[in-house]
Amino acid sequence: MPKKVTYSKFLNTDDVKDLGSALIELADRYPLALRTERDFFPLVEAYLHGRVPVLQAESNRSGGRVDFRVGGNNPALLELAVAPRALKDPNDESVTFPGNKYKSQLYAVANKPELAKLAKEKGAKARYLLLLDLRGEHDNATLQAGYEKLVPKDKGHAPVTVVYVCKSRAPFSFSLGGQKRGRRRAGAA
C-alpha cells in the first residue's frame, strides 16, 4: 500500500536549507549534468512537489517571472542562483566546462533583479533567495555584507531570506529588508 503523503503547510528556512544541501549532494554525484541554474530546476520542482500543497515553476508575477511559487495558506516565493564549479577540471587543466565562465552569480549585484522580483510580490508571506555554491568560495560575512549594502534595512523593502549553501560549510541564512509597512493607528502622529 502506498505511503500517505503529508504536505507541509508552508515553506520555511529549514526546508530551503535542506533543499540546498540535497542539491549540492546531487551536484557532487553528477558534476557534468548539474552545472547551471537551469539544470537544477527539475530537481527543485520534484523535491518541493512532495512537500508543499501547490507549486508553480516559473510563475509569472507582477514583478516578473519568479522561479518557484509555493501556494497554500502561507504562499512563498523561491529564487535560485548557482555559482558553477571551478572553471577547469582539477585532474586535467585543459578541460573546461561550458556555461561555467562566470564567477559572480552569488553576489548581491548579480542578484539584484531576483531581489526586486521577490520584493514586488505582494501576496507572499515568505521570500527566499537560495544561493548554491558549487565551488564553496564565498565567505558568509562578506556575502551578507554585500546584500545588506544593496537592500535597505527600512520597512520599505519586503523581507527576503537569503540562504547560502555549499559543500564545505553548514548552510547559512540571513534576512534582508524589513517588515511590511503597517497601518498607522488613529491619532498617531
C-alpha atoms as a PDB file:
ATOM      1  CA  MET A   1       0.000   0.000   0.000  1.00  0.00           C
ATOM      2  CA  PRO A   2       1.438   3.445  -0.927  1.00  0.00           C
ATOM      3  CA  LYS A   3       2.617   5.661   1.879  1.00  0.00           C
ATOM      4  CA  LYS A   4       0.302   8.583   2.616  1.00  0.00           C
ATOM      5  CA  VAL A   5       1.884  11.918   1.724  1.00  0.00           C
ATOM      6  CA  THR A   6       1.701  14.617   4.375  1.00  0.00           C
ATOM      7  CA  TYR A   7       2.226  18.081   2.981  1.00  0.00           C
ATOM      8  CA  SER A   8       3.751  20.960   4.876  1.00  0.00           C
ATOM      9  CA  LYS A   9       1.523  23.975   5.253  1.00  0.00           C
ATOM     10  CA  PHE A  10       4.298  26.375   4.265  1.00  0.00           C
ATOM     11  CA  LEU A  11       7.910  26.607   3.156  1.00  0.00           C
ATOM     12  CA  ASN A  12      10.337  27.706   5.880  1.00  0.00           C
ATOM     13  CA  THR A  13      14.056  28.490   6.096  1.00  0.00           C
ATOM     14  CA  ASP A  14      14.964  24.991   7.305  1.00  0.00           C
ATOM     15  CA  ASP A  15      13.157  23.500   4.283  1.00  0.00           C
ATOM     16  CA  VAL A  16      15.158  25.748   1.952  1.00  0.00           C
ATOM     17  CA  LYS A  17      18.426  24.803   3.701  1.00  0.00           C
ATOM     18  CA  ASP A  18      17.558  21.097   3.360  1.00  0.00           C
ATOM     19  CA  LEU A  19      16.723  21.618  -0.314  1.00  0.00           C
ATOM     20  CA  GLY A  20      20.043  23.372  -0.907  1.00  0.00           C
ATOM     21  CA  SER A  21      22.001  20.627   0.853  1.00  0.00           C
ATOM     22  CA  ALA A  22      20.254  17.939  -1.207  1.00  0.00           C
ATOM     23  CA  LEU A  23      21.013  19.827  -4.434  1.00  0.00           C
ATOM     24  CA  ILE A  24      24.707  20.225  -3.523  1.00  0.00           C
ATOM     25  CA  GLU A  25      24.923  16.499  -2.757  1.00  0.00           C
ATOM     26  CA  LEU A  26      23.370  15.603  -6.127  1.00  0.00           C
ATOM     27  CA  ALA A  27      25.614  18.070  -7.945  1.00  0.00           C
ATOM     28  CA  ASP A  28      28.635  16.307  -6.481  1.00  0.00           C
ATOM     29  CA  ARG A  29      27.348  12.967  -7.742  1.00  0.00           C
ATOM     30  CA  TYR A  30      26.571  14.294 -11.233  1.00  0.00           C
ATOM     31  CA  PRO A  31      29.060  17.140 -11.812  1.00  0.00           C
ATOM     32  CA  LEU A  32      28.718  17.225 -15.596  1.00  0.00           C
ATOM     33  CA  ALA A  33      24.916  17.095 -15.604  1.00  0.00           C
ATOM     34  CA  LEU A  34      24.293  19.695 -12.880  1.00  0.00           C
ATOM     35  CA  ARG A  35      26.212  22.857 -13.693  1.00  0.00           C
ATOM     36  CA  THR A  36      23.812  25.764 -14.153  1.00  0.00           C
ATOM     37  CA  GLU A  37      20.665  27.165 -12.570  1.00  0.00           C
ATOM     38  CA  ARG A  38      18.524  25.721 -15.362  1.00  0.00           C
ATOM     39  CA  ASP A  39      19.929  22.220 -14.708  1.00  0.00           C
ATOM     40  CA  PHE A  40      18.588  22.343 -11.141  1.00  0.00           C
ATOM     41  CA  PHE A  41      15.004  23.393 -11.963  1.00  0.00           C
ATOM     42  CA  PRO A  42      13.545  19.867 -12.382  1.00  0.00           C
ATOM     43  CA  LEU A  43      15.221  18.748  -9.157  1.00  0.00           C
ATOM     44  CA  VAL A  44      13.831  21.671  -7.163  1.00  0.00           C
ATOM     45  CA  GLU A  45      10.392  21.048  -8.605  1.00  0.00           C
ATOM     46  CA  ALA A  46      10.499  17.328  -7.756  1.00  0.00           C
ATOM     47  CA  TYR A  47      11.831  17.980  -4.244  1.00  0.00           C
ATOM     48  CA  LEU A  48       9.195  20.580  -3.400  1.00  0.00           C
ATOM     49  CA  HIS A  49       6.323  18.798  -5.141  1.00  0.00           C
ATOM     50  CA  GLY A  50       6.240  16.146  -2.429  1.00  0.00           C
ATOM     51  CA  ARG A  51       6.427  18.651   0.415  1.00  0.00           C
ATOM     52  CA  VAL A  52       4.090  21.537  -0.346  1.00  0.00           C
ATOM     53  CA  PRO A  53       0.415  21.619  -1.352  1.00  0.00           C
ATOM     54  CA  VAL A  54       0.734  23.754  -4.513  1.00  0.00           C
ATOM     55  CA  LEU A  55       3.825  24.515  -6.564  1.00  0.00           C
ATOM     56  CA  GLN A  56       4.210  26.638  -9.689  1.00  0.00           C
ATOM     57  CA  ALA A  57       7.522  26.707 -11.546  1.00  0.00           C
ATOM     58  CA  GLU A  58       8.431  29.916 -13.378  1.00  0.00           C
ATOM     59  CA  SER A  59       5.341  31.682 -12.180  1.00  0.00           C
ATOM     60  CA  ASN A  60       4.547  34.975 -13.915  1.00  0.00           C
ATOM     61  CA  ARG A  61       4.048  37.512 -11.179  1.00  0.00           C
ATOM     62  CA  SER A  62       3.619  41.272 -11.139  1.00  0.00           C
ATOM     63  CA  GLY A  63       7.369  41.855 -10.697  1.00  0.00           C
ATOM     64  CA  GLY A  64       8.449  39.357 -13.363  1.00  0.00           C
ATOM     65  CA  ARG A  65       8.904  35.623 -13.657  1.00  0.00           C
ATOM     66  CA  VAL A  66       9.662  34.057 -10.261  1.00  0.00           C
ATOM     67  CA  ASP A  67      11.471  30.694 -10.296  1.00  0.00           C
ATOM     68  CA  PHE A  68       9.070  28.933  -7.893  1.00  0.00           C
ATOM     69  CA  ARG A  69       5.880  29.893  -6.091  1.00  0.00           C
ATOM     70  CA  VAL A  70       4.547  27.763  -3.262  1.00  0.00           C
ATOM     71  CA  GLY A  71       0.810  28.214  -2.809  1.00  0.00           C
ATOM     72  CA  GLY A  72      -1.488  27.440   0.088  1.00  0.00           C
ATOM     73  CA  ASN A  73      -2.372  29.434   3.189  1.00  0.00           C
ATOM     74  CA  ASN A  74       1.183  30.810   3.519  1.00  0.00           C
ATOM     75  CA  PRO A  75       2.420  31.488  -0.015  1.00  0.00           C
ATOM     76  CA  ALA A  76       6.176  31.628  -0.504  1.00  0.00           C
ATOM     77  CA  LEU A  77       8.492  32.567  -3.351  1.00  0.00           C
ATOM     78  CA  LEU A  78      11.826  30.947  -4.146  1.00  0.00           C
ATOM     79  CA  GLU A  79      14.521  32.245  -6.468  1.00  0.00           C
ATOM     80  CA  LEU A  80      17.596  30.160  -7.255  1.00  0.00           C
ATOM     81  CA  ALA A  81      21.143  31.292  -8.081  1.00  0.00           C
ATOM     82  CA  VAL A  82      24.017  28.910  -8.818  1.00  0.00           C
ATOM     83  CA  ALA A  83      27.762  29.516  -8.830  1.00  0.00           C
ATOM     84  CA  PRO A  84      29.224  26.762 -11.006  1.00  0.00           C
ATOM     85  CA  ARG A  85      32.206  24.586 -10.239  1.00  0.00           C
ATOM     86  CA  ALA A  86      35.779  25.599 -10.900  1.00  0.00           C
ATOM     87  CA  LEU A  87      36.308  26.581 -14.496  1.00  0.00           C
ATOM     88  CA  LYS A  88      38.723  23.719 -15.140  1.00  0.00           C
ATOM     89  CA  ASP A  89      38.845  20.050 -14.272  1.00  0.00           C
ATOM     90  CA  PRO A  90      41.279  19.691 -11.342  1.00  0.00           C
ATOM     91  CA  ASN A  91      42.579  16.448 -12.861  1.00  0.00           C
ATOM     92  CA  ASP A  92      43.105  17.857 -16.357  1.00  0.00           C
ATOM     93  CA  GLU A  93      43.719  21.630 -16.687  1.00  0.00           C
ATOM     94  CA  SER A  94      42.941  21.510 -20.422  1.00  0.00           C
ATOM     95  CA  VAL A  95      39.308  20.504 -19.788  1.00  0.00           C
ATOM     96  CA  THR A  96      36.901  23.408 -19.250  1.00  0.00           C
ATOM     97  CA  PHE A  97      33.177  23.226 -18.638  1.00  0.00           C
ATOM     98  CA  PRO A  98      30.814  25.151 -20.906  1.00  0.00           C
ATOM     99  CA  GLY A  99      28.472  27.533 -19.133  1.00  0.00           C
ATOM    100  CA  ASN A 100      30.832  27.921 -16.193  1.00  0.00           C
ATOM    101  CA  LYS A 101      32.523  31.153 -17.203  1.00  0.00           C
ATOM    102  CA  TYR A 102      31.020  33.420 -14.542  1.00  0.00           C
ATOM    103  CA  LYS A 103      32.282  33.825 -11.011  1.00  0.00           C
ATOM    104  CA  SER A 104      29.846  36.356  -9.561  1.00  0.00           C
ATOM    105  CA  GLN A 105      26.415  34.654  -9.672  1.00  0.00           C
ATOM    106  CA  LEU A 106      26.049  34.772  -5.901  1.00  0.00           C
ATOM    107  CA  TYR A 107      26.983  38.399  -5.292  1.00  0.00           C
ATOM    108  CA  ALA A 108      24.248  40.854  -4.382  1.00  0.00           C
ATOM    109  CA  VAL A 109      24.671  42.981  -7.515  1.00  0.00           C
ATOM    110  CA  ALA A 110      24.226  39.925  -9.753  1.00  0.00           C
ATOM    111  CA  ASN A 111      21.008  39.019  -7.904  1.00  0.00           C
ATOM    112  CA  LYS A 112      19.506  42.497  -7.782  1.00  0.00           C
ATOM    113  CA  PRO A 113      16.798  41.544 -10.363  1.00  0.00           C
ATOM    114  CA  GLU A 114      15.868  38.454  -8.318  1.00  0.00           C
ATOM    115  CA  LEU A 115      15.597  40.508  -5.131  1.00  0.00           C
ATOM    116  CA  ALA A 116      13.397  43.035  -6.967  1.00  0.00           C
ATOM    117  CA  LYS A 117      11.072  40.272  -8.214  1.00  0.00           C
ATOM    118  CA  LEU A 118      10.774  38.823  -4.726  1.00  0.00           C
ATOM    119  CA  ALA A 119      10.107  42.233  -3.154  1.00  0.00           C
ATOM    120  CA  LYS A 120       7.402  43.219  -5.632  1.00  0.00           C
ATOM    121  CA  GLU A 121       5.155  40.238  -4.964  1.00  0.00           C
ATOM    122  CA  LYS A 122       2.519  41.457  -2.529  1.00  0.00           C
ATOM    123  CA  GLY A 123       0.800  38.178  -1.609  1.00  0.00           C
ATOM    124  CA  ALA A 124       3.822  36.231  -0.397  1.00  0.00           C
ATOM    125  CA  LYS A 125       4.296  35.505   3.302  1.00  0.00           C
ATOM    126  CA  ALA A 126       7.903  34.379   2.768  1.00  0.00           C
ATOM    127  CA  ARG A 127      10.530  35.120   0.118  1.00  0.00           C
ATOM    128  CA  TYR A 128      13.719  33.103  -0.330  1.00  0.00           C
ATOM    129  CA  LEU A 129      16.825  33.506  -2.449  1.00  0.00           C
ATOM    130  CA  LEU A 130      18.694  30.181  -2.476  1.00  0.00           C
ATOM    131  CA  LEU A 131      22.379  30.563  -3.337  1.00  0.00           C
ATOM    132  CA  LEU A 132      24.025  27.279  -4.361  1.00  0.00           C
ATOM    133  CA  ASP A 133      27.799  27.495  -4.365  1.00  0.00           C
ATOM    134  CA  LEU A 134      29.310  24.512  -6.172  1.00  0.00           C
ATOM    135  CA  ARG A 135      32.786  25.938  -5.574  1.00  0.00           C
ATOM    136  CA  GLY A 136      32.484  26.853  -1.880  1.00  0.00           C
ATOM    137  CA  GLU A 137      34.492  30.044  -2.302  1.00  0.00           C
ATOM    138  CA  HIS A 138      32.327  32.648  -0.589  1.00  0.00           C
ATOM    139  CA  ASP A 139      32.811  33.881   2.946  1.00  0.00           C
ATOM    140  CA  ASN A 140      29.499  34.114   4.839  1.00  0.00           C
ATOM    141  CA  ALA A 141      30.200  37.521   6.413  1.00  0.00           C
ATOM    142  CA  THR A 142      31.380  39.104   3.139  1.00  0.00           C
ATOM    143  CA  LEU A 143      28.394  37.720   1.243  1.00  0.00           C
ATOM    144  CA  GLN A 144      25.947  39.002   3.876  1.00  0.00           C
ATOM    145  CA  ALA A 145      27.584  42.445   3.976  1.00  0.00           C
ATOM    146  CA  GLY A 146      27.208  42.794   0.204  1.00  0.00           C
ATOM    147  CA  TYR A 147      23.499  42.018   0.337  1.00  0.00           C
ATOM    148  CA  GLU A 148      22.911  44.313   3.304  1.00  0.00           C
ATOM    149  CA  LYS A 149      24.520  47.189   1.383  1.00  0.00           C
ATOM    150  CA  LEU A 150      22.168  46.605  -1.537  1.00  0.00           C
ATOM    151  CA  VAL A 151      18.889  46.106   0.340  1.00  0.00           C
ATOM    152  CA  PRO A 152      17.731  48.854   2.703  1.00  0.00           C
ATOM    153  CA  LYS A 153      17.102  47.889   6.299  1.00  0.00           C
ATOM    154  CA  ASP A 154      14.000  50.042   6.475  1.00  0.00           C
ATOM    155  CA  LYS A 155      10.469  48.758   6.308  1.00  0.00           C
ATOM    156  CA  GLY A 156      10.100  49.880   2.684  1.00  0.00           C
ATOM    157  CA  HIS A 157      11.597  46.671   1.291  1.00  0.00           C
ATOM    158  CA  ALA A 158       9.722  43.392   1.713  1.00  0.00           C
ATOM    159  CA  PRO A 159      11.660  40.897   3.843  1.00  0.00           C
ATOM    160  CA  VAL A 160      13.737  38.335   1.943  1.00  0.00           C
ATOM    161  CA  THR A 161      15.658  35.445   3.473  1.00  0.00           C
ATOM    162  CA  VAL A 162      18.903  34.613   1.705  1.00  0.00           C
ATOM    163  CA  VAL A 163      20.086  31.022   2.150  1.00  0.00           C
ATOM    164  CA  TYR A 164      23.684  30.188   1.177  1.00  0.00           C
ATOM    165  CA  VAL A 165      24.615  26.520   0.757  1.00  0.00           C
ATOM    166  CA  CYS A 166      27.972  24.986  -0.158  1.00  0.00           C
ATOM    167  CA  LYS A 167      29.620  21.631   0.472  1.00  0.00           C
ATOM    168  CA  SER A 168      32.383  22.795   2.792  1.00  0.00           C
ATOM    169  CA  ARG A 169      30.233  24.517   5.469  1.00  0.00           C
ATOM    170  CA  ALA A 170      26.832  24.257   7.095  1.00  0.00           C
ATOM    171  CA  PRO A 171      24.009  26.167   5.352  1.00  0.00           C
ATOM    172  CA  PHE A 172      23.883  29.833   6.339  1.00  0.00           C
ATOM    173  CA  SER A 173      20.926  32.225   6.179  1.00  0.00           C
ATOM    174  CA  PHE A 174      20.237  35.874   6.870  1.00  0.00           C
ATOM    175  CA  SER A 175      17.283  38.214   6.437  1.00  0.00           C
ATOM    176  CA  LEU A 176      17.132  41.397   4.406  1.00  0.00           C
ATOM    177  CA  GLY A 177      14.684  44.270   4.381  1.00  0.00           C
ATOM    178  CA  GLY A 178      12.027  44.990   6.921  1.00  0.00           C
ATOM    179  CA  GLN A 179       8.501  44.047   7.643  1.00  0.00           C
ATOM    180  CA  LYS A 180       5.680  45.308   5.502  1.00  0.00           C
ATOM    181  CA  ARG A 181       4.519  48.746   6.476  1.00  0.00           C
ATOM    182  CA  GLY A 182       1.717  48.548   8.985  1.00  0.00           C
ATOM    183  CA  ARG A 183      -1.309  50.777   9.176  1.00  0.00           C
ATOM    184  CA  ARG A 184      -0.946  53.851  11.275  1.00  0.00           C
ATOM    185  CA  ARG A 185      -3.050  53.892  14.380  1.00  0.00           C
ATOM    186  CA  ALA A 186      -5.714  56.529  14.674  1.00  0.00           C
ATOM    187  CA  GLY A 187      -4.373  59.569  16.459  1.00  0.00           C
ATOM    188  CA  ALA A 188      -0.725  58.652  15.844  1.00  0.00           C
ATOM    189  CA  ALA A 189       1.476  61.492  14.671  1.00  0.00           C
END
